[in-house]
Amino acid sequence: MEQSCIIQGRHLHEPDFAEIRRLITVNPAWSRRRISAELAKAWNWRTSTGQIKDMAARSLLLKLKQRGMLTIPSSIIET
């Protein structure tokens, strides 16, 4: 069965999860910040002024991790 969900108003389907997994797998040295920035660029996720929504993408990644739907790199600074 295809995995799907809605997070932050974005409908996510298996191709979206595959794209996120690919970004993480192909770039193991990337930080969460870099992954979220590249994801926002790939999805053309931007504010009305054209800036990439990297914080929104990072929040999305964390929510997917919390739901057990994705494994992301550890944060550099553990809180």
PDB file of N, CA and C in Angstrom:
ATOM      1  N   MET A   1       0.841  -1.175   0.000  1.00  0.00           N
ATOM      2  CA  MET A   1       0.000   0.000   0.000  1.00  0.00           C
ATOM      3  C   MET A   1       0.891   1.245   0.000  1.00  0.00           C
ATOM      4  N   GLU A   2       0.502   2.240  -0.780  1.00  0.00           N
ATOM      5  CA  GLU A   2       1.278   3.469  -0.871  1.00  0.00           C
ATOM      6  C   GLU A   2       1.141   4.292   0.396  1.00  0.00           C
ATOM      7  N   GLN A   3       2.262   4.788   0.854  1.00  0.00           N
ATOM      8  CA  GLN A   3       2.305   5.632   2.039  1.00  0.00           C
ATOM      9  C   GLN A   3       1.933   7.056   1.621  1.00  0.00           C
ATOM     10  N   SER A   4       1.030   7.693   2.370  1.00  0.00           N
ATOM     11  CA  SER A   4       0.686   9.083   2.095  1.00  0.00           C
ATOM     12  C   SER A   4       0.198   9.744   3.371  1.00  0.00           C
ATOM     13  N   CYS A   5       0.311  11.069   3.406  1.00  0.00           N
ATOM     14  CA  CYS A   5      -0.163  11.839   4.547  1.00  0.00           C
ATOM     15  C   CYS A   5      -0.208  13.312   4.162  1.00  0.00           C
ATOM     16  N   ILE A   6      -0.800  14.096   5.031  1.00  0.00           N
ATOM     17  CA  ILE A   6      -0.818  15.544   4.852  1.00  0.00           C
ATOM     18  C   ILE A   6      -0.082  16.151   6.036  1.00  0.00           C
ATOM     19  N   ILE A   7       0.962  16.904   5.749  1.00  0.00           N
ATOM     20  CA  ILE A   7       1.729  17.593   6.788  1.00  0.00           C
ATOM     21  C   ILE A   7       1.939  19.022   6.325  1.00  0.00           C
ATOM     22  N   GLN A   8       1.610  19.955   7.200  1.00  0.00           N
ATOM     23  CA  GLN A   8       1.744  21.374   6.909  1.00  0.00           C
ATOM     24  C   GLN A   8       1.021  21.757   5.618  1.00  0.00           C
ATOM     25  N   GLY A   9      -0.111  21.132   5.396  1.00  0.00           N
ATOM     26  CA  GLY A   9      -0.919  21.440   4.224  1.00  0.00           C
ATOM     27  C   GLY A   9      -0.414  20.834   2.929  1.00  0.00           C
ATOM     28  N   ARG A  10       0.656  20.083   2.992  1.00  0.00           N
ATOM     29  CA  ARG A  10       1.220  19.468   1.786  1.00  0.00           C
ATOM     30  C   ARG A  10       0.850  17.990   1.754  1.00  0.00           C
ATOM     31  N   HIS A  11       0.284  17.562   0.646  1.00  0.00           N
ATOM     32  CA  HIS A  11      -0.058  16.156   0.450  1.00  0.00           C
ATOM     33  C   HIS A  11       1.213  15.422   0.035  1.00  0.00           C
ATOM     34  N   LEU A  12       1.644  14.498   0.857  1.00  0.00           N
ATOM     35  CA  LEU A  12       2.856  13.731   0.576  1.00  0.00           C
ATOM     36  C   LEU A  12       2.485  12.314   0.168  1.00  0.00           C
ATOM     37  N   HIS A  13       3.122  11.850  -0.901  1.00  0.00           N
ATOM     38  CA  HIS A  13       2.886  10.503  -1.417  1.00  0.00           C
ATOM     39  C   HIS A  13       4.232   9.797  -1.546  1.00  0.00           C
ATOM     40  N   GLU A  14       4.199   8.548  -1.908  1.00  0.00           N
ATOM     41  CA  GLU A  14       5.418   7.742  -1.971  1.00  0.00           C
ATOM     42  C   GLU A  14       6.534   8.389  -2.797  1.00  0.00           C
ATOM     43  N   PRO A  15       6.256   8.992  -3.954  1.00  0.00           N
ATOM     44  CA  PRO A  15       7.360   9.646  -4.688  1.00  0.00           C
ATOM     45  C   PRO A  15       8.038  10.766  -3.880  1.00  0.00           C
ATOM     46  N   ASP A  16       7.269  11.461  -3.045  1.00  0.00           N
ATOM     47  CA  ASP A  16       7.847  12.509  -2.194  1.00  0.00           C
ATOM     48  C   ASP A  16       8.776  11.893  -1.153  1.00  0.00           C
ATOM     49  N   PHE A  17       8.329  10.807  -0.524  1.00  0.00           N
ATOM     50  CA  PHE A  17       9.163  10.120   0.463  1.00  0.00           C
ATOM     51  C   PHE A  17      10.428   9.583  -0.203  1.00  0.00           C
ATOM     52  N   ALA A  18      10.281   9.051  -1.415  1.00  0.00           N
ATOM     53  CA  ALA A  18      11.437   8.522  -2.145  1.00  0.00           C
ATOM     54  C   ALA A  18      12.435   9.637  -2.452  1.00  0.00           C
ATOM     55  N   GLU A  19      11.942  10.808  -2.802  1.00  0.00           N
ATOM     56  CA  GLU A  19      12.831  11.937  -3.090  1.00  0.00           C
ATOM     57  C   GLU A  19      13.594  12.369  -1.837  1.00  0.00           C
ATOM     58  N   ILE A  20      12.903  12.413  -0.705  1.00  0.00           N
ATOM     59  CA  ILE A  20      13.561  12.777   0.555  1.00  0.00           C
ATOM     60  C   ILE A  20      14.608  11.729   0.918  1.00  0.00           C
ATOM     61  N   ARG A  21      14.247  10.454   0.822  1.00  0.00           N
ATOM     62  CA  ARG A  21      15.195   9.381   1.138  1.00  0.00           C
ATOM     63  C   ARG A  21      16.420   9.448   0.233  1.00  0.00           C
ATOM     64  N   ARG A  22      16.187   9.740  -1.053  1.00  0.00           N
ATOM     65  CA  ARG A  22      17.292   9.836  -2.007  1.00  0.00           C
ATOM     66  C   ARG A  22      18.234  10.975  -1.619  1.00  0.00           C
ATOM     67  N   LEU A  23      17.680  12.138  -1.276  1.00  0.00           N
ATOM     68  CA  LEU A  23      18.512  13.271  -0.851  1.00  0.00           C
ATOM     69  C   LEU A  23      19.399  12.886   0.330  1.00  0.00           C
ATOM     70  N   ILE A  24      18.829  12.185   1.288  1.00  0.00           N
ATOM     71  CA  ILE A  24      19.566  11.793   2.491  1.00  0.00           C
ATOM     72  C   ILE A  24      20.612  10.726   2.167  1.00  0.00           C
ATOM     73  N   THR A  25      20.240   9.742   1.372  1.00  0.00           N
ATOM     74  CA  THR A  25      21.139   8.629   1.048  1.00  0.00           C
ATOM     75  C   THR A  25      22.312   9.065   0.177  1.00  0.00           C
ATOM     76  N   VAL A  26      22.031   9.864  -0.828  1.00  0.00           N
ATOM     77  CA  VAL A  26      23.070  10.291  -1.768  1.00  0.00           C
ATOM     78  C   VAL A  26      24.015  11.319  -1.141  1.00  0.00           C
ATOM     79  N   ASN A  27      23.542  12.009  -0.109  1.00  0.00           N
ATOM     80  CA  ASN A  27      24.331  13.074   0.519  1.00  0.00           C
ATOM     81  C   ASN A  27      24.437  12.851   2.032  1.00  0.00           C
ATOM     82  N   PRO A  28      25.104  11.786   2.456  1.00  0.00           N
ATOM     83  CA  PRO A  28      25.116  11.440   3.885  1.00  0.00           C
ATOM     84  C   PRO A  28      25.788  12.480   4.783  1.00  0.00           C
ATOM     85  N   ALA A  29      26.634  13.328   4.233  1.00  0.00           N
ATOM     86  CA  ALA A  29      27.324  14.332   5.049  1.00  0.00           C
ATOM     87  C   ALA A  29      26.493  15.606   5.239  1.00  0.00           C
ATOM     88  N   TRP A  30      25.374  15.717   4.531  1.00  0.00           N
ATOM     89  CA  TRP A  30      24.553  16.924   4.633  1.00  0.00           C
ATOM     90  C   TRP A  30      23.884  17.012   5.994  1.00  0.00           C
ATOM     91  N   SER A  31      23.782  18.230   6.489  1.00  0.00           N
ATOM     92  CA  SER A  31      23.067  18.499   7.741  1.00  0.00           C
ATOM     93  C   SER A  31      21.566  18.549   7.466  1.00  0.00           C
ATOM     94  N   ARG A  32      20.786  18.554   8.536  1.00  0.00           N
ATOM     95  CA  ARG A  32      19.334  18.716   8.384  1.00  0.00           C
ATOM     96  C   ARG A  32      19.016  20.016   7.657  1.00  0.00           C
ATOM     97  N   ARG A  33      19.786  21.063   7.969  1.00  0.00           N
ATOM     98  CA  ARG A  33      19.562  22.364   7.341  1.00  0.00           C
ATOM     99  C   ARG A  33      19.768  22.273   5.828  1.00  0.00           C
ATOM    100  N   ARG A  34      20.839  21.627   5.414  1.00  0.00           N
ATOM    101  CA  ARG A  34      21.128  21.505   3.983  1.00  0.00           C
ATOM    102  C   ARG A  34      20.067  20.653   3.295  1.00  0.00           C
ATOM    103  N   ILE A  35      19.672  19.564   3.929  1.00  0.00           N
ATOM    104  CA  ILE A  35      18.642  18.699   3.347  1.00  0.00           C
ATOM    105  C   ILE A  35      17.346  19.479   3.176  1.00  0.00           C
ATOM    106  N   SER A  36      16.955  20.222   4.206  1.00  0.00           N
ATOM    107  CA  SER A  36      15.696  20.973   4.126  1.00  0.00           C
ATOM    108  C   SER A  36      15.774  22.067   3.067  1.00  0.00           C
ATOM    109  N   ALA A  37      16.921  22.727   2.940  1.00  0.00           N
ATOM    110  CA  ALA A  37      17.072  23.770   1.923  1.00  0.00           C
ATOM    111  C   ALA A  37      16.982  23.176   0.519  1.00  0.00           C
ATOM    112  N   GLU A  38      17.650  22.061   0.295  1.00  0.00           N
ATOM    113  CA  GLU A  38      17.620  21.419  -1.024  1.00  0.00           C
ATOM    114  C   GLU A  38      16.231  20.872  -1.342  1.00  0.00           C
ATOM    115  N   LEU A  39      15.553  20.355  -0.329  1.00  0.00           N
ATOM    116  CA  LEU A  39      14.195  19.857  -0.528  1.00  0.00           C
ATOM    117  C   LEU A  39      13.257  21.001  -0.909  1.00  0.00           C
ATOM    118  N   ALA A  40      13.362  22.117  -0.200  1.00  0.00           N
ATOM    119  CA  ALA A  40      12.522  23.282  -0.509  1.00  0.00           C
ATOM    120  C   ALA A  40      12.783  23.777  -1.932  1.00  0.00           C
ATOM    121  N   LYS A  41      14.042  23.766  -2.355  1.00  0.00           N
ATOM    122  CA  LYS A  41      14.374  24.172  -3.728  1.00  0.00           C
ATOM    123  C   LYS A  41      13.775  23.196  -4.736  1.00  0.00           C
ATOM    124  N   ALA A  42      13.938  21.902  -4.464  1.00  0.00           N
ATOM    125  CA  ALA A  42      13.438  20.877  -5.389  1.00  0.00           C
ATOM    126  C   ALA A  42      11.925  20.956  -5.558  1.00  0.00           C
ATOM    127  N   TRP A  43      11.221  21.262  -4.474  1.00  0.00           N
ATOM    128  CA  TRP A  43       9.763  21.352  -4.512  1.00  0.00           C
ATOM    129  C   TRP A  43       9.283  22.760  -4.848  1.00  0.00           C
ATOM    130  N   ASN A  44      10.241  23.680  -5.080  1.00  0.00           N
ATOM    131  CA  ASN A  44       9.913  25.082  -5.337  1.00  0.00           C
ATOM    132  C   ASN A  44       9.007  25.632  -4.236  1.00  0.00           C
ATOM    133  N   TRP A  45       9.364  25.307  -3.020  1.00  0.00           N
ATOM    134  CA  TRP A  45       8.606  25.710  -1.836  1.00  0.00           C
ATOM    135  C   TRP A  45       9.166  27.047  -1.388  1.00  0.00           C
ATOM    136  N   ARG A  46       8.477  28.132  -1.735  1.00  0.00           N
ATOM    137  CA  ARG A  46       8.988  29.481  -1.508  1.00  0.00           C
ATOM    138  C   ARG A  46       7.941  30.383  -0.868  1.00  0.00           C
ATOM    139  N   THR A  47       8.443  31.446  -0.234  1.00  0.00           N
ATOM    140  CA  THR A  47       7.559  32.463   0.326  1.00  0.00           C
ATOM    141  C   THR A  47       7.081  33.363  -0.808  1.00  0.00           C
ATOM    142  N   SER A  48       6.185  34.273  -0.487  1.00  0.00           N
ATOM    143  CA  SER A  48       5.687  35.203  -1.503  1.00  0.00           C
ATOM    144  C   SER A  48       6.785  36.136  -2.013  1.00  0.00           C
ATOM    145  N   THR A  49       7.871  36.272  -1.251  1.00  0.00           N
ATOM    146  CA  THR A  49       8.994  37.109  -1.690  1.00  0.00           C
ATOM    147  C   THR A  49      10.065  36.305  -2.422  1.00  0.00           C
ATOM    148  N   GLY A  50       9.832  35.012  -2.594  1.00  0.00           N
ATOM    149  CA  GLY A  50      10.751  34.174  -3.358  1.00  0.00           C
ATOM    150  C   GLY A  50      11.809  33.440  -2.559  1.00  0.00           C
ATOM    151  N   GLN A  51      11.846  33.645  -1.242  1.00  0.00           N
ATOM    152  CA  GLN A  51      12.829  32.934  -0.425  1.00  0.00           C
ATOM    153  C   GLN A  51      12.382  31.492  -0.220  1.00  0.00           C
ATOM    154  N   ILE A  52      13.378  30.579  -0.176  1.00  0.00           N
ATOM    155  CA  ILE A  52      13.015  29.178   0.040  1.00  0.00           C
ATOM    156  C   ILE A  52      12.523  28.987   1.471  1.00  0.00           C
ATOM    157  N   LYS A  53      11.578  28.083   1.630  1.00  0.00           N
ATOM    158  CA  LYS A  53      10.995  27.794   2.945  1.00  0.00           C
ATOM    159  C   LYS A  53      11.755  26.640   3.604  1.00  0.00           C
ATOM    160  N   ASP A  54      13.035  26.890   3.908  1.00  0.00           N
ATOM    161  CA  ASP A  54      13.838  25.813   4.478  1.00  0.00           C
ATOM    162  C   ASP A  54      13.401  25.453   5.890  1.00  0.00           C
ATOM    163  N   MET A  55      12.931  26.422   6.672  1.00  0.00           N
ATOM    164  CA  MET A  55      12.462  26.099   8.031  1.00  0.00           C
ATOM    165  C   MET A  55      11.174  25.265   7.972  1.00  0.00           C
ATOM    166  N   ALA A  56      10.301  25.569   7.034  1.00  0.00           N
ATOM    167  CA  ALA A  56       9.079  24.777   6.872  1.00  0.00           C
ATOM    168  C   ALA A  56       9.436  23.355   6.442  1.00  0.00           C
ATOM    169  N   ALA A  57      10.408  23.240   5.547  1.00  0.00           N
ATOM    170  CA  ALA A  57      10.847  21.916   5.100  1.00  0.00           C
ATOM    171  C   ALA A  57      11.494  21.147   6.250  1.00  0.00           C
ATOM    172  N   ARG A  58      12.264  21.839   7.086  1.00  0.00           N
ATOM    173  CA  ARG A  58      12.898  21.185   8.237  1.00  0.00           C
ATOM    174  C   ARG A  58      11.843  20.709   9.224  1.00  0.00           C
ATOM    175  N   SER A  59      10.834  21.528   9.441  1.00  0.00           N
ATOM    176  CA  SER A  59       9.737  21.146  10.327  1.00  0.00           C
ATOM    177  C   SER A  59       9.013  19.917   9.775  1.00  0.00           C
ATOM    178  N   LEU A  60       8.810  19.886   8.473  1.00  0.00           N
ATOM    179  CA  LEU A  60       8.167  18.738   7.831  1.00  0.00           C
ATOM    180  C   LEU A  60       9.003  17.478   8.060  1.00  0.00           C
ATOM    181  N   LEU A  61      10.319  17.580   7.885  1.00  0.00           N
ATOM    182  CA  LEU A  61      11.202  16.429   8.106  1.00  0.00           C
ATOM    183  C   LEU A  61      11.107  15.924   9.542  1.00  0.00           C
ATOM    184  N   LEU A  62      11.092  16.848  10.497  1.00  0.00           N
ATOM    185  CA  LEU A  62      10.996  16.455  11.908  1.00  0.00           C
ATOM    186  C   LEU A  62       9.665  15.773  12.207  1.00  0.00           C
ATOM    187  N   LYS A  63       8.583  16.268  11.619  1.00  0.00           N
ATOM    188  CA  LYS A  63       7.272  15.646  11.834  1.00  0.00           C
ATOM    189  C   LYS A  63       7.238  14.239  11.250  1.00  0.00           C
ATOM    190  N   LEU A  64       7.846  14.058  10.077  1.00  0.00           N
ATOM    191  CA  LEU A  64       7.914  12.719   9.485  1.00  0.00           C
ATOM    192  C   LEU A  64       8.740  11.786  10.369  1.00  0.00           C
ATOM    193  N   LYS A  65       9.823  12.304  10.937  1.00  0.00           N
ATOM    194  CA  LYS A  65      10.648  11.501  11.848  1.00  0.00           C
ATOM    195  C   LYS A  65       9.842  11.113  13.084  1.00  0.00           C
ATOM    196  N   GLN A  66       9.119  12.071  13.666  1.00  0.00           N
ATOM    197  CA  GLN A  66       8.328  11.809  14.870  1.00  0.00           C
ATOM    198  C   GLN A  66       7.250  10.759  14.623  1.00  0.00           C
ATOM    199  N   ARG A  67       6.725  10.713  13.408  1.00  0.00           N
ATOM    200  CA  ARG A  67       5.699   9.719  13.059  1.00  0.00           C
ATOM    201  C   ARG A  67       6.304   8.376  12.674  1.00  0.00           C
ATOM    202  N   GLY A  68       7.626   8.297  12.667  1.00  0.00           N
ATOM    203  CA  GLY A  68       8.296   7.054  12.306  1.00  0.00           C
ATOM    204  C   GLY A  68       8.266   6.764  10.822  1.00  0.00           C
ATOM    205  N   MET A  69       8.059   7.788  10.017  1.00  0.00           N
ATOM    206  CA  MET A  69       7.938   7.610   8.575  1.00  0.00           C
ATOM    207  C   MET A  69       9.250   7.867   7.837  1.00  0.00           C
ATOM    208  N   LEU A  70      10.253   8.357   8.563  1.00  0.00           N
ATOM    209  CA  LEU A  70      11.492   8.752   7.916  1.00  0.00           C
ATOM    210  C   LEU A  70      12.620   8.770   8.941  1.00  0.00           C
ATOM    211  N   THR A  71      13.807   8.437   8.499  1.00  0.00           N
ATOM    212  CA  THR A  71      14.995   8.559   9.337  1.00  0.00           C
ATOM    213  C   THR A  71      15.817   9.705   8.779  1.00  0.00           C
ATOM    214  N   ILE A  72      16.139  10.665   9.629  1.00  0.00           N
ATOM    215  CA  ILE A  72      16.939  11.812   9.195  1.00  0.00           C
ATOM    216  C   ILE A  72      18.206  11.881  10.037  1.00  0.00           C
ATOM    217  N   PRO A  73      19.228  12.589   9.549  1.00  0.00           N
ATOM    218  CA  PRO A  73      20.468  12.695  10.326  1.00  0.00           C
ATOM    219  C   PRO A  73      20.212  13.329  11.686  1.00  0.00           C
ATOM    220  N   SER A  74      21.045  12.971  12.640  1.00  0.00           N
ATOM    221  CA  SER A  74      20.951  13.582  13.966  1.00  0.00           C
ATOM    222  C   SER A  74      21.274  15.058  13.848  1.00  0.00           C
ATOM    223  N   SER A  75      20.691  15.841  14.745  1.00  0.00           N
ATOM    224  CA  SER A  75      21.015  17.263  14.725  1.00  0.00           C
ATOM    225  C   SER A  75      22.429  17.448  15.259  1.00  0.00           C
ATOM    226  N   ILE A  76      23.070  18.508  14.826  1.00  0.00           N
ATOM    227  CA  ILE A  76      24.438  18.778  15.263  1.00  0.00           C
ATOM    228  C   ILE A  76      24.456  19.106  16.747  1.00  0.00           C
ATOM    229  N   ILE A  77      23.465  19.869  17.185  1.00  0.00           N
ATOM    230  CA  ILE A  77      23.351  20.240  18.595  1.00  0.00           C
ATOM    231  C   ILE A  77      22.147  19.516  19.169  1.00  0.00           C
ATOM    232  N   GLU A  78      22.379  18.543  20.016  1.00  0.00           N
ATOM    233  CA  GLU A  78      21.281  17.813  20.647  1.00  0.00           C
ATOM    234  C   GLU A  78      20.738  18.640  21.799  1.00  0.00           C
ATOM    235  N   THR A  79      19.419  18.791  21.878  1.00  0.00           N
ATOM    236  CA  THR A  79      18.806  19.570  22.959  1.00  0.00           C
ATOM    237  C   THR A  79      18.303  18.666  24.043  1.00  0.00           C
TER     238      THR A  79
END
